C-alpha cells in the first residue's frame, strides 16, 4: 500500500512539473498561405491559346489561363507530386490578366490541375 501511495505521489509531481504554459497549440490555428514574389510580365508564346496546347509531339504543354486580379497561379499534378513548385508557377502576360507556363517532359498518363491564389 505504501508503494502505491509513493507511486501516485511521484506521478502527481511529474505531471505538474512537466506542464508549461503556452506550449500547447492554439485551438484554431491559422493556416499559412505560401507567399509568392510579385510576378514579372512575360510575353505569351506564339503557340499559346486559351487552355492547354500540346507541342513537341505531346511531351510539352503550354497552359494558359485568363485570371484577372489573381496574385499567382500554379500548375500541379502527379508530375510534381501535387506540390506548388516555382518551376510550375504560371507567368503573367503583358495584359496583366493572362497567366501561362510551358511544362516539358510530360507523358500521356500525367494528370494536371491549377492552384489559383488571390
PDB file of N, CA and C in Angstrom:
ATOM      1  N   UNK A   1       0.818  -1.178   0.000  1.00  0.00           N
ATOM      2  CA  UNK A   1       0.000   0.000   0.000  1.00  0.00           C
ATOM      3  C   UNK A   1       0.872   1.256   0.000  1.00  0.00           C
ATOM      4  N   UNK A   2       1.986   1.167   0.752  1.00  0.00           N
ATOM      5  CA  UNK A   2       2.906   2.284   0.829  1.00  0.00           C
ATOM      6  C   UNK A   2       3.511   2.579  -0.550  1.00  0.00           C
ATOM      7  N   UNK A   3       3.786   1.519  -1.331  1.00  0.00           N
ATOM      8  CA  UNK A   3       4.356   1.680  -2.666  1.00  0.00           C
ATOM      9  C   UNK A   3       3.372   2.381  -3.603  1.00  0.00           C
ATOM     10  N   UNK A   4       2.093   2.075  -3.483  1.00  0.00           N
ATOM     11  CA  UNK A   4       1.071   2.688  -4.341  1.00  0.00           C
ATOM     12  C   UNK A   4       0.966   4.172  -4.041  1.00  0.00           C
ATOM     13  N   UNK A   5       0.964   4.542  -2.778  1.00  0.00           N
ATOM     14  CA  UNK A   5       0.880   5.953  -2.405  1.00  0.00           C
ATOM     15  C   UNK A   5       2.128   6.688  -2.901  1.00  0.00           C
ATOM     16  N   UNK A   6       3.293   6.072  -2.738  1.00  0.00           N
ATOM     17  CA  UNK A   6       4.529   6.667  -3.206  1.00  0.00           C
ATOM     18  C   UNK A   6       4.499   6.856  -4.728  1.00  0.00           C
ATOM     19  N   UNK A   7       4.019   5.853  -5.455  1.00  0.00           N
ATOM     20  CA  UNK A   7       3.926   5.912  -6.908  1.00  0.00           C
ATOM     21  C   UNK A   7       2.972   7.014  -7.347  1.00  0.00           C
ATOM     22  N   UNK A   8       1.815   7.137  -6.693  1.00  0.00           N
ATOM     23  CA  UNK A   8       0.858   8.194  -7.027  1.00  0.00           C
ATOM     24  C   UNK A   8       1.448   9.573  -6.752  1.00  0.00           C
ATOM     25  N   UNK A   9       2.206   9.711  -5.676  1.00  0.00           N
ATOM     26  CA  UNK A   9       2.823  10.998  -5.353  1.00  0.00           C
ATOM     27  C   UNK A   9       3.854  11.382  -6.408  1.00  0.00           C
ATOM     28  N   UNK A  10       4.656  10.434  -6.868  1.00  0.00           N
ATOM     29  CA  UNK A  10       5.657  10.698  -7.905  1.00  0.00           C
ATOM     30  C   UNK A  10       4.973  11.072  -9.216  1.00  0.00           C
ATOM     31  N   UNK A  11       3.914  10.378  -9.578  1.00  0.00           N
ATOM     32  CA  UNK A  11       3.193  10.672 -10.820  1.00  0.00           C
ATOM     33  C   UNK A  11       2.573  12.060 -10.767  1.00  0.00           C
ATOM     34  N   UNK A  12       1.992  12.423  -9.625  1.00  0.00           N
ATOM     35  CA  UNK A  12       1.399  13.752  -9.475  1.00  0.00           C
ATOM     36  C   UNK A  12       2.467  14.825  -9.596  1.00  0.00           C
ATOM     37  N   UNK A  13       3.635  14.601  -8.985  1.00  0.00           N
ATOM     38  CA  UNK A  13       4.731  15.565  -9.066  1.00  0.00           C
ATOM     39  C   UNK A  13       5.213  15.735 -10.509  1.00  0.00           C
ATOM     40  N   UNK A  14       5.411  14.618 -11.216  1.00  0.00           N
ATOM     41  CA  UNK A  14       5.907  14.674 -12.592  1.00  0.00           C
ATOM     42  C   UNK A  14       4.901  15.318 -13.533  1.00  0.00           C
ATOM     43  N   UNK A  15       3.632  15.030 -13.363  1.00  0.00           N
ATOM     44  CA  UNK A  15       2.638  15.606 -14.269  1.00  0.00           C
ATOM     45  C   UNK A  15       2.511  17.104 -14.064  1.00  0.00           C
ATOM     46  N   UNK A  16       2.673  17.598 -12.832  1.00  0.00           N
ATOM     47  CA  UNK A  16       2.596  19.041 -12.606  1.00  0.00           C
ATOM     48  C   UNK A  16       3.895  19.727 -13.005  1.00  0.00           C
ATOM     49  N   UNK A  17       5.020  19.050 -12.902  1.00  0.00           N
ATOM     50  CA  UNK A  17       6.312  19.642 -13.235  1.00  0.00           C
ATOM     51  C   UNK A  17       6.513  19.747 -14.744  1.00  0.00           C
ATOM     52  N   UNK A  18       5.848  18.918 -15.544  1.00  0.00           N
ATOM     53  CA  UNK A  18       6.054  18.896 -16.990  1.00  0.00           C
ATOM     54  C   UNK A  18       5.190  19.910 -17.728  1.00  0.00           C
ATOM     55  N   UNK A  19       4.202  20.459 -17.074  1.00  0.00           N
ATOM     56  CA  UNK A  19       3.311  21.399 -17.761  1.00  0.00           C
ATOM     57  C   UNK A  19       3.961  22.766 -17.826  1.00  0.00           C
ATOM     58  N   UNK A  20       3.972  23.343 -19.023  1.00  0.00           N
ATOM     59  CA  UNK A  20       4.476  24.687 -19.228  1.00  0.00           C
ATOM     60  C   UNK A  20       3.390  25.466 -19.930  1.00  0.00           C
ATOM     61  N   UNK A  21       3.145  26.664 -19.473  1.00  0.00           N
ATOM     62  CA  UNK A  21       2.102  27.456 -20.111  1.00  0.00           C
ATOM     63  C   UNK A  21       2.582  27.924 -21.476  1.00  0.00           C
ATOM     64  N   UNK A  22       1.666  27.989 -22.428  1.00  0.00           N
ATOM     65  CA  UNK A  22       1.974  28.483 -23.761  1.00  0.00           C
ATOM     66  C   UNK A  22       2.630  27.492 -24.692  1.00  0.00           C
ATOM     67  N   UNK A  23       2.751  26.235 -24.307  1.00  0.00           N
ATOM     68  CA  UNK A  23       3.404  25.276 -25.192  1.00  0.00           C
ATOM     69  C   UNK A  23       2.411  24.482 -26.020  1.00  0.00           C
ATOM     70  N   UNK A  24       1.147  24.607 -25.741  1.00  0.00           N
ATOM     71  CA  UNK A  24       0.143  23.849 -26.474  1.00  0.00           C
ATOM     72  C   UNK A  24      -0.336  24.665 -27.661  1.00  0.00           C
ATOM     73  N   UNK A  25      -0.680  24.025 -28.777  1.00  0.00           N
ATOM     74  CA  UNK A  25      -1.118  24.768 -29.959  1.00  0.00           C
ATOM     75  C   UNK A  25      -2.458  25.458 -29.701  1.00  0.00           C
ATOM     76  N   UNK A  26      -2.674  26.498 -30.491  1.00  0.00           N
ATOM     77  CA  UNK A  26      -3.940  27.220 -30.409  1.00  0.00           C
ATOM     78  C   UNK A  26      -5.081  26.277 -30.788  1.00  0.00           C
ATOM     79  N   UNK A  27      -6.280  26.507 -30.228  1.00  0.00           N
ATOM     80  CA  UNK A  27      -7.400  25.632 -30.589  1.00  0.00           C
ATOM     81  C   UNK A  27      -7.775  25.741 -32.059  1.00  0.00           C
ATOM     82  N   UNK A  28      -7.618  26.911 -32.661  1.00  0.00           N
ATOM     83  CA  UNK A  28      -7.937  27.121 -34.076  1.00  0.00           C
ATOM     84  C   UNK A  28      -6.746  27.773 -34.759  1.00  0.00           C
ATOM     85  N   UNK A  29      -5.715  27.009 -35.110  1.00  0.00           N
ATOM     86  CA  UNK A  29      -4.539  27.615 -35.726  1.00  0.00           C
ATOM     87  C   UNK A  29      -4.864  28.208 -37.089  1.00  0.00           C
ATOM     88  N   UNK A  30      -4.189  29.291 -37.430  1.00  0.00           N
ATOM     89  CA  UNK A  30      -4.391  29.959 -38.707  1.00  0.00           C
ATOM     90  C   UNK A  30      -3.480  29.322 -39.748  1.00  0.00           C
ATOM     91  N   UNK A  31      -4.034  28.827 -40.871  1.00  0.00           N
ATOM     92  CA  UNK A  31      -3.177  28.228 -41.903  1.00  0.00           C
ATOM     93  C   UNK A  31      -2.337  29.296 -42.587  1.00  0.00           C
ATOM     94  N   UNK A  32      -1.156  28.924 -43.020  1.00  0.00           N
ATOM     95  CA  UNK A  32      -0.295  29.860 -43.737  1.00  0.00           C
ATOM     96  C   UNK A  32      -0.382  29.584 -45.232  1.00  0.00           C
ATOM     97  N   UNK A  33      -0.552  30.637 -45.984  1.00  0.00           N
ATOM     98  CA  UNK A  33      -0.633  30.546 -47.441  1.00  0.00           C
ATOM     99  C   UNK A  33       0.753  30.848 -47.980  1.00  0.00           C
ATOM    100  N   UNK A  34       1.239  30.051 -48.944  1.00  0.00           N
ATOM    101  CA  UNK A  34       2.583  30.301 -49.455  1.00  0.00           C
ATOM    102  C   UNK A  34       2.693  31.697 -50.062  1.00  0.00           C
ATOM    103  N   UNK A  35       3.757  32.397 -49.732  1.00  0.00           N
ATOM    104  CA  UNK A  35       3.973  33.716 -50.313  1.00  0.00           C
ATOM    105  C   UNK A  35       4.720  33.560 -51.623  1.00  0.00           C
ATOM    106  N   UNK A  36       4.336  34.348 -52.582  1.00  0.00           N
ATOM    107  CA  UNK A  36       4.971  34.286 -53.888  1.00  0.00           C
ATOM    108  C   UNK A  36       5.475  35.672 -54.261  1.00  0.00           C
ATOM    109  N   UNK A  37       6.575  35.736 -54.970  1.00  0.00           N
ATOM    110  CA  UNK A  37       7.089  37.044 -55.378  1.00  0.00           C
ATOM    111  C   UNK A  37       6.144  37.712 -56.372  1.00  0.00           C
ATOM    112  N   UNK A  38       6.238  39.035 -56.450  1.00  0.00           N
ATOM    113  CA  UNK A  38       5.424  39.779 -57.413  1.00  0.00           C
ATOM    114  C   UNK A  38       5.794  39.314 -58.812  1.00  0.00           C
ATOM    115  N   UNK A  39       4.794  38.897 -59.596  1.00  0.00           N
ATOM    116  CA  UNK A  39       5.112  38.346 -60.918  1.00  0.00           C
ATOM    117  C   UNK A  39       5.632  39.413 -61.880  1.00  0.00           C
ATOM    118  N   UNK A  40       6.522  38.972 -62.763  1.00  0.00           N
ATOM    119  CA  UNK A  40       7.047  39.803 -63.828  1.00  0.00           C
ATOM    120  C   UNK A  40       6.266  39.467 -65.089  1.00  0.00           C
ATOM    121  N   UNK A  41       6.148  40.430 -65.990  1.00  0.00           N
ATOM    122  CA  UNK A  41       5.393  40.223 -67.216  1.00  0.00           C
ATOM    123  C   UNK A  41       6.239  39.484 -68.257  1.00  0.00           C
ATOM    124  N   UNK A  42       5.669  38.437 -68.837  1.00  0.00           N
ATOM    125  CA  UNK A  42       6.332  37.641 -69.871  1.00  0.00           C
ATOM    126  C   UNK A  42       5.406  37.537 -71.077  1.00  0.00           C
ATOM    127  N   UNK A  43       5.916  37.780 -72.291  1.00  0.00           N
ATOM    128  CA  UNK A  43       5.058  37.660 -73.477  1.00  0.00           C
ATOM    129  C   UNK A  43       4.609  36.219 -73.699  1.00  0.00           C
ATOM    130  N   UNK A  44       3.392  36.072 -74.191  1.00  0.00           N
ATOM    131  CA  UNK A  44       2.850  34.739 -74.492  1.00  0.00           C
ATOM    132  C   UNK A  44       3.620  34.101 -75.642  1.00  0.00           C
ATOM    133  N   UNK A  45       3.879  32.797 -75.584  1.00  0.00           N
ATOM    134  CA  UNK A  45       4.483  32.118 -76.737  1.00  0.00           C
ATOM    135  C   UNK A  45       3.524  32.144 -77.930  1.00  0.00           C
ATOM    136  N   UNK A  46       4.075  32.046 -79.118  1.00  0.00           N
ATOM    137  CA  UNK A  46       3.263  32.108 -80.337  1.00  0.00           C
ATOM    138  C   UNK A  46       2.216  30.997 -80.387  1.00  0.00           C
ATOM    139  N   UNK A  47       2.533  29.823 -79.851  1.00  0.00           N
ATOM    140  CA  UNK A  47       1.610  28.679 -79.919  1.00  0.00           C
ATOM    141  C   UNK A  47       0.531  28.720 -78.836  1.00  0.00           C
ATOM    142  N   UNK A  48       0.595  29.646 -77.891  1.00  0.00           N
ATOM    143  CA  UNK A  48      -0.337  29.670 -76.755  1.00  0.00           C
ATOM    144  C   UNK A  48      -1.754  30.027 -77.190  1.00  0.00           C
ATOM    145  N   UNK A  49      -2.707  29.300 -76.639  1.00  0.00           N
ATOM    146  CA  UNK A  49      -4.144  29.558 -76.826  1.00  0.00           C
ATOM    147  C   UNK A  49      -4.798  29.351 -75.474  1.00  0.00           C
ATOM    148  N   UNK A  50      -6.037  29.767 -75.312  1.00  0.00           N
ATOM    149  CA  UNK A  50      -6.738  29.549 -74.045  1.00  0.00           C
ATOM    150  C   UNK A  50      -6.801  28.063 -73.732  1.00  0.00           C
ATOM    151  N   UNK A  51      -6.446  27.698 -72.513  1.00  0.00           N
ATOM    152  CA  UNK A  51      -6.479  26.298 -72.100  1.00  0.00           C
ATOM    153  C   UNK A  51      -5.121  25.658 -72.221  1.00  0.00           C
ATOM    154  N   UNK A  52      -5.097  24.444 -72.750  1.00  0.00           N
ATOM    155  CA  UNK A  52      -3.852  23.679 -72.866  1.00  0.00           C
ATOM    156  C   UNK A  52      -3.579  23.388 -74.335  1.00  0.00           C
ATOM    157  N   UNK A  53      -2.352  23.654 -74.753  1.00  0.00           N
ATOM    158  CA  UNK A  53      -1.899  23.337 -76.105  1.00  0.00           C
ATOM    159  C   UNK A  53      -0.703  22.410 -75.971  1.00  0.00           C
ATOM    160  N   UNK A  54      -0.774  21.250 -76.598  1.00  0.00           N
ATOM    161  CA  UNK A  54       0.343  20.304 -76.569  1.00  0.00           C
ATOM    162  C   UNK A  54       1.261  20.581 -77.750  1.00  0.00           C
ATOM    163  N   UNK A  55       2.559  20.588 -77.467  1.00  0.00           N
ATOM    164  CA  UNK A  55       3.563  20.827 -78.503  1.00  0.00           C
ATOM    165  C   UNK A  55       4.660  19.779 -78.342  1.00  0.00           C
ATOM    166  N   UNK A  56       5.620  19.797 -79.235  1.00  0.00           N
ATOM    167  CA  UNK A  56       6.752  18.859 -79.207  1.00  0.00           C
ATOM    168  C   UNK A  56       6.288  17.406 -79.177  1.00  0.00           C
ATOM    169  N   UNK A  57       5.339  17.081 -80.011  1.00  0.00           N
ATOM    170  CA  UNK A  57       4.848  15.706 -80.096  1.00  0.00           C
ATOM    171  C   UNK A  57       4.080  15.258 -78.863  1.00  0.00           C
ATOM    172  N   UNK A  58       3.544  16.192 -78.112  1.00  0.00           N
ATOM    173  CA  UNK A  58       2.742  15.848 -76.936  1.00  0.00           C
ATOM    174  C   UNK A  58       3.539  15.722 -75.648  1.00  0.00           C
ATOM    175  N   UNK A  59       4.853  15.949 -75.703  1.00  0.00           N
ATOM    176  CA  UNK A  59       5.658  15.832 -74.485  1.00  0.00           C
ATOM    177  C   UNK A  59       5.764  17.155 -73.732  1.00  0.00           C
ATOM    178  N   UNK A  60       5.285  18.241 -74.340  1.00  0.00           N
ATOM    179  CA  UNK A  60       5.266  19.549 -73.694  1.00  0.00           C
ATOM    180  C   UNK A  60       3.871  20.138 -73.838  1.00  0.00           C
ATOM    181  N   UNK A  61       3.527  21.001 -72.899  1.00  0.00           N
ATOM    182  CA  UNK A  61       2.226  21.660 -72.950  1.00  0.00           C
ATOM    183  C   UNK A  61       2.384  23.112 -72.531  1.00  0.00           C
ATOM    184  N   UNK A  62       1.648  23.984 -73.195  1.00  0.00           N
ATOM    185  CA  UNK A  62       1.545  25.379 -72.772  1.00  0.00           C
ATOM    186  C   UNK A  62       0.163  25.528 -72.146  1.00  0.00           C
ATOM    187  N   UNK A  63       0.152  25.859 -70.858  1.00  0.00           N
ATOM    188  CA  UNK A  63      -1.102  26.031 -70.124  1.00  0.00           C
ATOM    189  C   UNK A  63      -1.355  27.525 -70.000  1.00  0.00           C
ATOM    190  N   UNK A  64      -2.520  27.975 -70.454  1.00  0.00           N
ATOM    191  CA  UNK A  64      -2.873  29.387 -70.433  1.00  0.00           C
ATOM    192  C   UNK A  64      -4.203  29.552 -69.711  1.00  0.00           C
ATOM    193  N   UNK A  65      -4.283  30.576 -68.854  1.00  0.00           N
ATOM    194  CA  UNK A  65      -5.484  30.824 -68.066  1.00  0.00           C
ATOM    195  C   UNK A  65      -5.745  32.317 -67.991  1.00  0.00           C
ATOM    196  N   UNK A  66      -6.964  32.720 -68.322  1.00  0.00           N
ATOM    197  CA  UNK A  66      -7.385  34.114 -68.137  1.00  0.00           C
ATOM    198  C   UNK A  66      -7.886  34.238 -66.708  1.00  0.00           C
ATOM    199  N   UNK A  67      -7.135  34.956 -65.864  1.00  0.00           N
ATOM    200  CA  UNK A  67      -7.480  35.074 -64.446  1.00  0.00           C
ATOM    201  C   UNK A  67      -7.102  36.461 -63.940  1.00  0.00           C
ATOM    202  N   UNK A  68      -7.935  37.466 -64.253  1.00  0.00           N
ATOM    203  CA  UNK A  68      -7.621  38.815 -63.797  1.00  0.00           C
ATOM    204  C   UNK A  68      -7.655  38.915 -62.269  1.00  0.00           C
ATOM    205  N   UNK A  69      -6.840  39.786 -61.728  1.00  0.00           N
ATOM    206  CA  UNK A  69      -6.769  40.098 -60.293  1.00  0.00           C
ATOM    207  C   UNK A  69      -6.245  38.957 -59.428  1.00  0.00           C
ATOM    208  N   UNK A  70      -5.655  37.936 -59.998  1.00  0.00           N
ATOM    209  CA  UNK A  70      -5.075  36.850 -59.201  1.00  0.00           C
ATOM    210  C   UNK A  70      -3.622  37.183 -58.896  1.00  0.00           C
ATOM    211  N   UNK A  71      -3.142  36.715 -57.736  1.00  0.00           N
ATOM    212  CA  UNK A  71      -1.772  37.025 -57.336  1.00  0.00           C
ATOM    213  C   UNK A  71      -0.769  35.990 -57.822  1.00  0.00           C
ATOM    214  N   UNK A  72      -1.186  34.737 -57.959  1.00  0.00           N
ATOM    215  CA  UNK A  72      -0.306  33.707 -58.506  1.00  0.00           C
ATOM    216  C   UNK A  72      -1.131  32.494 -58.895  1.00  0.00           C
ATOM    217  N   UNK A  73      -0.607  31.752 -59.847  1.00  0.00           N
ATOM    218  CA  UNK A  73      -1.256  30.540 -60.345  1.00  0.00           C
ATOM    219  C   UNK A  73      -0.161  29.498 -60.561  1.00  0.00           C
ATOM    220  N   UNK A  74      -0.446  28.272 -60.149  1.00  0.00           N
ATOM    221  CA  UNK A  74       0.486  27.156 -60.339  1.00  0.00           C
ATOM    222  C   UNK A  74      -0.220  26.036 -61.062  1.00  0.00           C
ATOM    223  N   UNK A  75       0.524  25.294 -61.895  1.00  0.00           N
ATOM    224  CA  UNK A  75       0.020  24.041 -62.427  1.00  0.00           C
ATOM    225  C   UNK A  75       0.642  22.949 -61.563  1.00  0.00           C
ATOM    226  N   UNK A  76      -0.219  22.079 -61.046  1.00  0.00           N
ATOM    227  CA  UNK A  76       0.244  20.991 -60.192  1.00  0.00           C
ATOM    228  C   UNK A  76      -0.278  19.679 -60.769  1.00  0.00           C
ATOM    229  N   UNK A  77       0.276  18.590 -60.324  1.00  0.00           N
ATOM    230  CA  UNK A  77      -0.190  17.290 -60.805  1.00  0.00           C
ATOM    231  C   UNK A  77       0.678  16.180 -60.273  1.00  0.00           C
ATOM    232  N   UNK A  78       0.422  14.988 -60.781  1.00  0.00           N
ATOM    233  CA  UNK A  78       1.227  13.863 -60.314  1.00  0.00           C
ATOM    234  C   UNK A  78       2.684  13.993 -60.767  1.00  0.00           C
ATOM    235  N   UNK A  79       2.944  14.772 -61.811  1.00  0.00           N
ATOM    236  CA  UNK A  79       4.321  15.001 -62.252  1.00  0.00           C
ATOM    237  C   UNK A  79       5.099  15.852 -61.243  1.00  0.00           C
ATOM    238  N   UNK A  80       4.400  16.626 -60.378  1.00  0.00           N
ATOM    239  CA  UNK A  80       5.059  17.451 -59.361  1.00  0.00           C
ATOM    240  C   UNK A  80       4.717  16.983 -57.949  1.00  0.00           C
ATOM    241  N   UNK A  81       4.188  15.769 -57.843  1.00  0.00           N
ATOM    242  CA  UNK A  81       3.747  15.222 -56.561  1.00  0.00           C
ATOM    243  C   UNK A  81       2.705  16.129 -55.909  1.00  0.00           C
ATOM    244  N   UNK A  82       1.901  16.794 -56.746  1.00  0.00           N
ATOM    245  CA  UNK A  82       0.814  17.669 -56.310  1.00  0.00           C
ATOM    246  C   UNK A  82       1.306  18.823 -55.443  1.00  0.00           C
ATOM    247  N   UNK A  83       2.550  19.276 -55.690  1.00  0.00           N
ATOM    248  CA  UNK A  83       3.135  20.385 -54.938  1.00  0.00           C
ATOM    249  C   UNK A  83       3.228  21.626 -55.826  1.00  0.00           C
ATOM    250  N   UNK A  84       3.108  22.809 -55.207  1.00  0.00           N
ATOM    251  CA  UNK A  84       3.310  24.056 -55.941  1.00  0.00           C
ATOM    252  C   UNK A  84       4.807  24.340 -55.980  1.00  0.00           C
ATOM    253  N   UNK A  85       5.412  24.109 -57.118  1.00  0.00           N
ATOM    254  CA  UNK A  85       6.852  24.295 -57.297  1.00  0.00           C
ATOM    255  C   UNK A  85       7.111  25.581 -58.082  1.00  0.00           C
ATOM    256  N   UNK A  86       8.182  26.303 -57.768  1.00  0.00           N
ATOM    257  CA  UNK A  86       8.482  27.537 -58.505  1.00  0.00           C
ATOM    258  C   UNK A  86       8.577  27.335 -60.020  1.00  0.00           C
ATOM    259  N   UNK A  87       9.079  26.203 -60.454  1.00  0.00           N
ATOM    260  CA  UNK A  87       9.206  25.946 -61.891  1.00  0.00           C
ATOM    261  C   UNK A  87       7.846  25.835 -62.579  1.00  0.00           C
ATOM    262  N   UNK A  88       6.799  25.551 -61.818  1.00  0.00           N
ATOM    263  CA  UNK A  88       5.469  25.367 -62.394  1.00  0.00           C
ATOM    264  C   UNK A  88       4.536  26.536 -62.102  1.00  0.00           C
ATOM    265  N   UNK A  89       5.105  27.668 -61.663  1.00  0.00           N
ATOM    266  CA  UNK A  89       4.285  28.862 -61.464  1.00  0.00           C
ATOM    267  C   UNK A  89       4.027  29.498 -62.824  1.00  0.00           C
ATOM    268  N   UNK A  90       2.777  29.824 -63.098  1.00  0.00           N
ATOM    269  CA  UNK A  90       2.449  30.453 -64.363  1.00  0.00           C
ATOM    270  C   UNK A  90       2.995  31.870 -64.386  1.00  0.00           C
ATOM    271  N   UNK A  91       3.409  32.302 -65.578  1.00  0.00           N
ATOM    272  CA  UNK A  91       3.947  33.641 -65.785  1.00  0.00           C
ATOM    273  C   UNK A  91       2.795  34.568 -66.186  1.00  0.00           C
ATOM    274  N   UNK A  92       2.897  35.809 -65.777  1.00  0.00           N
ATOM    275  CA  UNK A  92       1.873  36.793 -66.107  1.00  0.00           C
ATOM    276  C   UNK A  92       2.195  37.437 -67.448  1.00  0.00           C
ATOM    277  N   UNK A  93       1.228  37.423 -68.360  1.00  0.00           N
ATOM    278  CA  UNK A  93       1.401  38.023 -69.682  1.00  0.00           C
ATOM    279  C   UNK A  93       1.302  39.551 -69.574  1.00  0.00           C
ATOM    280  N   UNK A  94       1.744  40.276 -70.594  1.00  0.00           N
ATOM    281  CA  UNK A  94       1.724  41.740 -70.546  1.00  0.00           C
ATOM    282  C   UNK A  94       0.338  42.357 -70.323  1.00  0.00           C
ATOM    283  N   UNK A  95      -0.738  41.636 -70.629  1.00  0.00           N
ATOM    284  CA  UNK A  95      -2.077  42.206 -70.397  1.00  0.00           C
ATOM    285  C   UNK A  95      -2.471  42.204 -68.917  1.00  0.00           C
ATOM    286  N   UNK A  96      -1.619  41.620 -68.056  1.00  0.00           N
ATOM    287  CA  UNK A  96      -1.845  41.521 -66.607  1.00  0.00           C
ATOM    288  C   UNK A  96      -3.126  40.770 -66.236  1.00  0.00           C
ATOM    289  N   UNK A  97      -3.658  39.979 -67.135  1.00  0.00           N
ATOM    290  CA  UNK A  97      -4.852  39.174 -66.893  1.00  0.00           C
ATOM    291  C   UNK A  97      -4.653  37.706 -67.252  1.00  0.00           C
ATOM    292  N   UNK A  98      -3.707  37.423 -68.126  1.00  0.00           N
ATOM    293  CA  UNK A  98      -3.498  36.074 -68.638  1.00  0.00           C
ATOM    294  C   UNK A  98      -2.228  35.485 -68.026  1.00  0.00           C
ATOM    295  N   UNK A  99      -2.352  34.262 -67.548  1.00  0.00           N
ATOM    296  CA  UNK A  99      -1.230  33.536 -66.957  1.00  0.00           C
ATOM    297  C   UNK A  99      -0.881  32.369 -67.862  1.00  0.00           C
ATOM    298  N   UNK A 100       0.398  32.017 -67.959  1.00  0.00           N
ATOM    299  CA  UNK A 100       0.809  30.898 -68.802  1.00  0.00           C
ATOM    300  C   UNK A 100       2.093  30.261 -68.278  1.00  0.00           C
ATOM    301  N   UNK A 101       2.304  28.999 -68.642  1.00  0.00           N
ATOM    302  CA  UNK A 101       3.545  28.283 -68.348  1.00  0.00           C
ATOM    303  C   UNK A 101       3.696  27.165 -69.374  1.00  0.00           C
ATOM    304  N   UNK A 102       4.945  26.839 -69.694  1.00  0.00           N
ATOM    305  CA  UNK A 102       5.221  25.681 -70.541  1.00  0.00           C
ATOM    306  C   UNK A 102       5.780  24.579 -69.661  1.00  0.00           C
ATOM    307  N   UNK A 103       5.150  23.417 -69.702  1.00  0.00           N
ATOM    308  CA  UNK A 103       5.583  22.251 -68.938  1.00  0.00           C
ATOM    309  C   UNK A 103       6.195  21.259 -69.928  1.00  0.00           C
ATOM    310  N   UNK A 104       7.426  20.857 -69.674  1.00  0.00           N
ATOM    311  CA  UNK A 104       8.123  19.912 -70.552  1.00  0.00           C
ATOM    312  C   UNK A 104       8.256  18.552 -69.879  1.00  0.00           C
ATOM    313  N   UNK A 105       8.482  17.526 -70.672  1.00  0.00           N
ATOM    314  CA  UNK A 105       8.711  16.178 -70.146  1.00  0.00           C
ATOM    315  C   UNK A 105       7.453  15.467 -69.690  1.00  0.00           C
ATOM    316  N   UNK A 106       6.322  15.801 -70.298  1.00  0.00           N
ATOM    317  CA  UNK A 106       5.063  15.142 -69.911  1.00  0.00           C
ATOM    318  C   UNK A 106       4.918  13.791 -70.584  1.00  0.00           C
ATOM    319  N   UNK A 107       4.156  12.935 -69.932  1.00  0.00           N
ATOM    320  CA  UNK A 107       3.773  11.651 -70.516  1.00  0.00           C
ATOM    321  C   UNK A 107       2.249  11.622 -70.568  1.00  0.00           C
ATOM    322  N   UNK A 108       1.703  10.755 -71.372  1.00  0.00           N
ATOM    323  CA  UNK A 108       0.255  10.739 -71.590  1.00  0.00           C
ATOM    324  C   UNK A 108      -0.548  10.433 -70.330  1.00  0.00           C
ATOM    325  N   UNK A 109       0.050   9.776 -69.352  1.00  0.00           N
ATOM    326  CA  UNK A 109      -0.702   9.413 -68.151  1.00  0.00           C
ATOM    327  C   UNK A 109      -0.666  10.507 -67.071  1.00  0.00           C
ATOM    328  N   UNK A 110       0.049  11.606 -67.276  1.00  0.00           N
ATOM    329  CA  UNK A 110       0.110  12.665 -66.277  1.00  0.00           C
ATOM    330  C   UNK A 110      -1.233  13.380 -66.133  1.00  0.00           C
ATOM    331  N   UNK A 111      -1.579  13.675 -64.888  1.00  0.00           N
ATOM    332  CA  UNK A 111      -2.791  14.456 -64.598  1.00  0.00           C
ATOM    333  C   UNK A 111      -2.352  15.817 -64.066  1.00  0.00           C
ATOM    334  N   UNK A 112      -3.041  16.889 -64.495  1.00  0.00           N
ATOM    335  CA  UNK A 112      -2.680  18.213 -64.035  1.00  0.00           C
ATOM    336  C   UNK A 112      -3.904  18.944 -63.504  1.00  0.00           C
ATOM    337  N   UNK A 113      -3.642  19.971 -62.707  1.00  0.00           N
ATOM    338  CA  UNK A 113      -4.682  20.785 -62.102  1.00  0.00           C
ATOM    339  C   UNK A 113      -4.084  22.163 -61.872  1.00  0.00           C
ATOM    340  N   UNK A 114      -4.920  23.194 -61.712  1.00  0.00           N
ATOM    341  CA  UNK A 114      -4.430  24.534 -61.444  1.00  0.00           C
ATOM    342  C   UNK A 114      -4.682  24.886 -59.987  1.00  0.00           C
ATOM    343  N   UNK A 115      -3.717  25.537 -59.368  1.00  0.00           N
ATOM    344  CA  UNK A 115      -3.841  26.047 -58.000  1.00  0.00           C
ATOM    345  C   UNK A 115      -3.781  27.569 -58.104  1.00  0.00           C
ATOM    346  N   UNK A 116      -4.892  28.252 -57.792  1.00  0.00           N
ATOM    347  CA  UNK A 116      -5.031  29.690 -58.021  1.00  0.00           C
ATOM    348  C   UNK A 116      -5.096  30.417 -56.687  1.00  0.00           C
ATOM    349  N   UNK A 117      -4.280  31.462 -56.518  1.00  0.00           N
ATOM    350  CA  UNK A 117      -4.254  32.260 -55.301  1.00  0.00           C
ATOM    351  C   UNK A 117      -4.671  33.686 -55.583  1.00  0.00           C
ATOM    352  N   UNK A 118      -5.346  34.287 -54.648  1.00  0.00           N
ATOM    353  CA  UNK A 118      -5.717  35.698 -54.738  1.00  0.00           C
ATOM    354  C   UNK A 118      -7.076  35.880 -55.240  1.00  0.00           C
TER     355      UNK A 118
END
